[in-house]
Amino acid sequence: MTTLQLTNTTWNYTCKICSVLRKALAVAFVGLIAFGESAGRARAASELSRQGFHKEAKALMTLPLEYGKNV
């Protein structure tokens, strides 16, 4: 086995590891963003409910994608 073949084999193997790691980190990042948004919505709904805006709080939690369109 020549040095070129060894380098090429090693490079391909590490590139596959990096690709898997990159995909895993991207999925984890998207999950973290989704969790933060969900927690923020829950906190906002809690404050709205505390202030007496029960209808708005319910709309915020049950229809999060259409909330901006309805209000």
N, C-alpha and C. Protein backbone atom coordinates (compact mmCIF):
# COMPACT_ATOMS: atom_id res chain seq x y z
N MET A 1 0.85 -1.16 0.00
CA MET A 1 0.00 0.00 0.00
C MET A 1 0.90 1.23 0.00
N THR A 2 0.64 2.09 -0.95
CA THR A 2 1.45 3.29 -1.05
C THR A 2 0.93 4.36 -0.10
N THR A 3 1.71 5.37 0.08
CA THR A 3 1.33 6.47 0.95
C THR A 3 0.10 7.19 0.41
N LEU A 4 0.00 7.32 -0.88
CA LEU A 4 -1.14 7.98 -1.49
C LEU A 4 -2.43 7.22 -1.23
N GLN A 5 -2.37 5.90 -1.35
CA GLN A 5 -3.56 5.08 -1.09
C GLN A 5 -3.95 5.17 0.39
N LEU A 6 -2.98 5.12 1.26
CA LEU A 6 -3.24 5.21 2.70
C LEU A 6 -3.85 6.57 3.05
N THR A 7 -3.31 7.63 2.48
CA THR A 7 -3.83 8.96 2.74
C THR A 7 -5.25 9.09 2.20
N ASN A 8 -5.50 8.58 1.02
CA ASN A 8 -6.82 8.65 0.41
C ASN A 8 -7.84 7.86 1.23
N THR A 9 -7.47 6.67 1.69
CA THR A 9 -8.36 5.84 2.49
C THR A 9 -8.66 6.52 3.82
N THR A 10 -7.65 7.05 4.47
CA THR A 10 -7.83 7.74 5.75
C THR A 10 -8.69 8.98 5.56
N TRP A 11 -8.46 9.73 4.48
CA TRP A 11 -9.23 10.94 4.23
C TRP A 11 -10.70 10.61 4.01
N ASN A 12 -11.00 9.59 3.24
CA ASN A 12 -12.39 9.21 3.00
C ASN A 12 -13.08 8.77 4.29
N TYR A 13 -12.36 8.05 5.12
CA TYR A 13 -12.94 7.59 6.38
C TYR A 13 -13.25 8.77 7.31
N THR A 14 -12.33 9.69 7.44
CA THR A 14 -12.56 10.84 8.31
C THR A 14 -13.62 11.77 7.74
N CYS A 15 -13.73 11.87 6.43
CA CYS A 15 -14.77 12.69 5.83
C CYS A 15 -16.15 12.12 6.14
N LYS A 16 -16.27 10.81 6.15
CA LYS A 16 -17.55 10.19 6.48
C LYS A 16 -17.91 10.46 7.95
N ILE A 17 -16.93 10.40 8.81
CA ILE A 17 -17.16 10.69 10.23
C ILE A 17 -17.59 12.14 10.40
N CYS A 18 -16.92 13.05 9.72
CA CYS A 18 -17.27 14.46 9.80
C CYS A 18 -18.67 14.72 9.26
N SER A 19 -19.03 14.03 8.21
CA SER A 19 -20.36 14.19 7.62
C SER A 19 -21.44 13.74 8.61
N VAL A 20 -21.25 12.61 9.24
CA VAL A 20 -22.21 12.12 10.22
C VAL A 20 -22.28 13.06 11.41
N LEU A 21 -21.15 13.52 11.88
CA LEU A 21 -21.10 14.44 13.00
C LEU A 21 -21.77 15.77 12.66
N ARG A 22 -21.55 16.27 11.45
CA ARG A 22 -22.16 17.52 11.02
C ARG A 22 -23.68 17.40 10.99
N LYS A 23 -24.18 16.28 10.47
CA LYS A 23 -25.63 16.08 10.42
C LYS A 23 -26.21 15.97 11.82
N ALA A 24 -25.53 15.27 12.71
CA ALA A 24 -26.01 15.12 14.08
C ALA A 24 -26.05 16.48 14.80
N LEU A 25 -25.03 17.28 14.60
CA LEU A 25 -25.01 18.61 15.23
C LEU A 25 -26.08 19.52 14.65
N ALA A 26 -26.34 19.40 13.36
CA ALA A 26 -27.38 20.22 12.74
C ALA A 26 -28.75 19.85 13.30
N VAL A 27 -29.02 18.56 13.45
CA VAL A 27 -30.29 18.11 14.02
C VAL A 27 -30.42 18.57 15.47
N ALA A 28 -29.34 18.47 16.23
CA ALA A 28 -29.37 18.91 17.62
C ALA A 28 -29.61 20.42 17.72
N PHE A 29 -29.02 21.18 16.83
CA PHE A 29 -29.21 22.63 16.83
C PHE A 29 -30.65 23.00 16.51
N VAL A 30 -31.24 22.36 15.51
CA VAL A 30 -32.63 22.62 15.16
C VAL A 30 -33.55 22.24 16.32
N GLY A 31 -33.25 21.12 16.98
CA GLY A 31 -34.04 20.71 18.14
C GLY A 31 -33.93 21.71 19.28
N LEU A 32 -32.77 22.25 19.49
CA LEU A 32 -32.56 23.24 20.54
C LEU A 32 -33.34 24.52 20.24
N ILE A 33 -33.34 24.94 19.00
CA ILE A 33 -34.10 26.12 18.59
C ILE A 33 -35.60 25.88 18.79
N ALA A 34 -36.08 24.70 18.41
CA ALA A 34 -37.50 24.38 18.57
C ALA A 34 -37.89 24.34 20.05
N PHE A 35 -37.03 23.78 20.87
CA PHE A 35 -37.31 23.73 22.30
C PHE A 35 -37.36 25.14 22.90
N GLY A 36 -36.43 25.98 22.51
CA GLY A 36 -36.42 27.36 23.01
C GLY A 36 -37.65 28.13 22.58
N GLU A 37 -38.08 27.92 21.35
CA GLU A 37 -39.29 28.59 20.88
C GLU A 37 -40.51 28.10 21.64
N SER A 38 -40.59 26.81 21.88
CA SER A 38 -41.71 26.25 22.63
C SER A 38 -41.74 26.79 24.06
N ALA A 39 -40.59 26.85 24.68
CA ALA A 39 -40.51 27.38 26.05
C ALA A 39 -40.89 28.86 26.07
N GLY A 40 -40.47 29.61 25.08
CA GLY A 40 -40.82 31.02 25.00
C GLY A 40 -42.31 31.24 24.81
N ARG A 41 -42.92 30.41 23.98
CA ARG A 41 -44.36 30.50 23.77
C ARG A 41 -45.11 30.17 25.06
N ALA A 42 -44.64 29.14 25.77
CA ALA A 42 -45.30 28.76 27.02
C ALA A 42 -45.19 29.88 28.04
N ARG A 43 -44.04 30.50 28.10
CA ARG A 43 -43.86 31.61 29.05
C ARG A 43 -44.74 32.81 28.69
N ALA A 44 -44.81 33.10 27.39
CA ALA A 44 -45.66 34.20 26.94
C ALA A 44 -47.13 33.91 27.21
N ALA A 45 -47.54 32.66 26.98
CA ALA A 45 -48.93 32.29 27.25
C ALA A 45 -49.23 32.37 28.73
N SER A 46 -48.29 32.01 29.55
CA SER A 46 -48.46 32.09 31.00
C SER A 46 -48.68 33.54 31.42
N GLU A 47 -47.88 34.44 30.88
CA GLU A 47 -48.03 35.86 31.22
C GLU A 47 -49.34 36.43 30.69
N LEU A 48 -49.72 36.03 29.49
CA LEU A 48 -51.00 36.50 28.96
C LEU A 48 -52.16 36.02 29.83
N SER A 49 -52.10 34.76 30.24
CA SER A 49 -53.15 34.21 31.09
C SER A 49 -53.17 34.92 32.44
N ARG A 50 -52.01 35.19 32.97
CA ARG A 50 -51.92 35.88 34.27
C ARG A 50 -52.53 37.28 34.19
N GLN A 51 -52.39 37.92 33.04
CA GLN A 51 -52.93 39.27 32.86
C GLN A 51 -54.41 39.26 32.46
N GLY A 52 -54.97 38.07 32.30
CA GLY A 52 -56.39 37.98 31.99
C GLY A 52 -56.71 37.80 30.52
N PHE A 53 -55.71 37.67 29.69
CA PHE A 53 -55.93 37.46 28.25
C PHE A 53 -55.97 35.96 27.96
N HIS A 54 -56.98 35.29 28.45
CA HIS A 54 -57.06 33.84 28.34
C HIS A 54 -57.27 33.38 26.90
N LYS A 55 -58.07 34.10 26.16
CA LYS A 55 -58.33 33.75 24.77
C LYS A 55 -57.04 33.81 23.95
N GLU A 56 -56.26 34.86 24.14
CA GLU A 56 -55.00 35.02 23.41
C GLU A 56 -53.98 33.97 23.82
N ALA A 57 -53.95 33.66 25.13
CA ALA A 57 -53.01 32.64 25.61
C ALA A 57 -53.35 31.28 25.02
N LYS A 58 -54.62 30.95 24.97
CA LYS A 58 -55.04 29.68 24.39
C LYS A 58 -54.70 29.62 22.91
N ALA A 59 -54.94 30.72 22.21
CA ALA A 59 -54.62 30.77 20.78
C ALA A 59 -53.12 30.63 20.56
N LEU A 60 -52.34 31.23 21.40
CA LEU A 60 -50.88 31.14 21.27
C LEU A 60 -50.38 29.71 21.43
N MET A 61 -50.97 28.97 22.35
CA MET A 61 -50.51 27.60 22.59
C MET A 61 -51.13 26.58 21.65
N THR A 62 -52.37 26.79 21.23
CA THR A 62 -53.01 25.78 20.39
C THR A 62 -52.80 26.01 18.90
N LEU A 63 -52.62 27.24 18.50
CA LEU A 63 -52.42 27.55 17.09
C LEU A 63 -51.16 28.39 16.90
N PRO A 64 -49.99 27.86 17.21
CA PRO A 64 -48.79 28.70 17.19
C PRO A 64 -48.43 29.23 15.80
N LEU A 65 -48.72 28.49 14.73
CA LEU A 65 -48.34 28.96 13.41
C LEU A 65 -49.27 30.05 12.88
N GLU A 66 -50.53 29.99 13.27
CA GLU A 66 -51.48 30.98 12.78
C GLU A 66 -51.70 32.11 13.78
N TYR A 67 -51.01 32.13 14.88
CA TYR A 67 -51.25 33.15 15.91
C TYR A 67 -51.01 34.56 15.35
N GLY A 68 -49.95 34.74 14.61
CA GLY A 68 -49.64 36.06 14.07
C GLY A 68 -50.66 36.52 13.05
N LYS A 69 -51.31 35.60 12.36
CA LYS A 69 -52.31 35.95 11.35
C LYS A 69 -53.63 36.35 11.98
N ASN A 70 -53.98 35.72 13.12
CA ASN A 70 -55.28 35.94 13.75
C ASN A 70 -55.33 37.20 14.59
N VAL A 71 -54.22 37.58 15.16
CA VAL A 71 -54.24 38.70 16.11
C VAL A 71 -53.78 39.96 15.42
